[in-house]
Protein backbone atom coordinates (compact mmCIF):
# COMPACT_ATOMS: atom_id res chain seq x y z
CA MET A 1 88.57 73.20 -224.35
CA SER A 2 87.69 69.92 -222.66
CA GLU A 3 89.63 66.71 -223.02
CA LEU A 4 87.99 63.75 -224.68
CA LEU A 5 87.48 60.93 -222.22
CA GLN A 6 88.51 57.49 -223.38
CA PRO A 7 85.97 54.70 -222.80
CA ALA A 8 86.72 52.53 -219.79
CA PHE A 9 88.11 49.19 -220.91
CA ARG A 10 90.21 46.47 -219.38
CA VAL A 11 91.22 42.87 -219.91
CA GLU A 12 91.41 40.29 -217.14
CA GLN A 13 92.93 36.83 -217.45
CA GLU A 14 92.34 33.81 -215.26
CA GLN A 15 94.13 30.50 -215.60
CA THR A 16 91.79 27.64 -214.65
CA THR A 17 92.26 23.90 -214.63
CA ASP A 18 90.34 23.82 -217.93
CA GLY A 19 92.38 26.52 -219.69
CA LEU A 20 92.58 30.29 -219.93
CA VAL A 21 89.65 32.68 -219.50
CA ILE A 22 90.10 36.18 -220.94
CA ARG A 23 87.47 38.69 -219.85
CA LEU A 24 86.80 41.80 -221.93
CA ILE A 25 85.30 44.50 -219.71
CA GLY A 26 83.80 47.84 -220.69
CA GLU A 27 83.83 49.43 -224.13
CA MET A 28 86.20 48.06 -226.75
CA ASP A 29 86.92 50.31 -229.70
CA LEU A 30 89.75 51.46 -231.94
CA SER A 31 91.40 53.40 -229.10
CA ASN A 32 91.91 50.33 -226.93
CA VAL A 33 91.50 47.18 -229.05
CA ASP A 34 95.25 46.48 -228.89
CA GLU A 35 94.93 45.97 -225.11
CA ALA A 36 92.82 42.93 -225.94
CA ARG A 37 94.64 41.86 -229.12
CA LYS A 38 97.96 41.11 -227.40
CA PRO A 39 96.71 38.66 -224.74
CA ILE A 40 94.17 37.01 -227.05
CA LEU A 41 96.60 36.35 -229.88
CA ALA A 42 99.33 35.33 -227.41
CA ALA A 43 96.94 32.79 -225.88
CA MET A 44 96.08 31.45 -229.33
CA ALA A 45 99.78 31.19 -230.19
CA ALA A 46 100.57 29.23 -227.02
CA GLU A 47 101.57 25.68 -227.81
CA ASP A 48 100.00 24.15 -224.71
CA GLY A 49 96.80 23.30 -226.62
CA LYS A 50 94.59 24.30 -223.69
CA PRO A 51 91.17 25.84 -224.34
CA VAL A 52 90.81 29.62 -224.41
CA VAL A 53 87.51 31.24 -223.45
CA LEU A 54 86.72 34.85 -224.31
CA ASP A 55 84.22 35.98 -221.71
CA LEU A 56 82.15 38.84 -223.15
CA ASN A 57 79.68 39.05 -220.28
CA ARG A 58 80.96 42.46 -219.16
CA LEU A 59 81.70 43.85 -222.62
CA GLU A 60 79.28 46.77 -223.04
CA PHE A 61 80.23 47.99 -226.51
CA ILE A 62 82.20 46.75 -229.50
CA ASP A 63 83.00 48.58 -232.74
CA SER A 64 84.31 47.29 -236.06
CA SER A 65 87.89 47.09 -234.76
CA GLY A 66 86.68 44.78 -231.98
CA ILE A 67 84.72 42.69 -234.46
CA ARG A 68 87.88 42.40 -236.57
CA LEU A 69 89.79 41.18 -233.48
CA LEU A 70 87.16 38.51 -232.76
CA LEU A 71 87.46 37.36 -236.38
CA GLU A 72 91.28 37.22 -236.06
CA ALA A 73 90.98 35.17 -232.89
CA GLN A 74 88.47 32.80 -234.48
CA ALA A 75 90.72 32.36 -237.53
CA ALA A 76 93.66 31.55 -235.26
CA SER A 77 91.47 29.03 -233.45
CA ASN A 78 90.31 27.42 -236.69
CA ALA A 79 93.96 26.91 -237.59
CA ASP A 80 94.65 25.37 -234.16
CA SER A 81 92.08 22.68 -233.27
CA ASN A 82 89.19 25.09 -232.57
CA ARG A 83 90.17 25.63 -228.95
CA LEU A 84 88.63 29.10 -228.67
CA SER A 85 85.10 29.69 -227.43
CA PHE A 86 83.11 32.80 -226.58
CA ARG A 87 80.65 33.10 -223.71
CA GLY A 88 78.37 35.48 -221.89
CA VAL A 89 77.33 38.04 -224.48
CA ARG A 90 75.27 41.10 -223.41
CA GLU A 91 72.31 42.02 -225.58
CA GLN A 92 73.86 45.13 -227.16
CA VAL A 93 76.98 43.17 -228.15
CA ALA A 94 74.87 40.17 -229.21
CA GLN A 95 72.94 42.45 -231.53
CA VAL A 96 76.17 43.60 -233.21
CA LEU A 97 77.26 39.97 -233.57
CA ARG A 98 73.91 39.09 -235.18
CA VAL A 99 73.93 42.07 -237.57
CA THR A 100 77.48 41.27 -238.73
CA GLY A 101 76.79 37.53 -238.95
CA LEU A 102 79.60 36.85 -236.49
CA ASP A 103 77.21 34.93 -234.24
CA GLN A 104 77.15 32.27 -236.99
CA THR A 105 80.96 32.18 -237.25
CA ILE A 106 82.21 32.04 -233.66
CA ASN A 107 81.83 29.25 -231.13
CA LEU A 108 79.39 31.00 -228.77
CA THR A 109 78.38 29.27 -225.52
CA ASP A 110 76.20 30.43 -222.64
């Protein structure tokens, strides 16, 4: 019997003079979405008011649990001066965002 391999996924954070950049890298799904949830929601809960950018440029796959996280993050941003933005979406992820209508809900920049 072979072991199931978990998709490669990681989260990187970079503090810049303009705020916090959180990069989602690899394949985000139910098995690893909490790795992203904690830093994203912590950043949105921070009282410093600085912008938070979710960089999706290296995100290769997202499932419904990841979509739910993006919606949670956007809702937290809407409640806190809209300081969250999303950037750098790959085509396969962009397609999921379009199909779900999330591309019309989130603050997506290039």
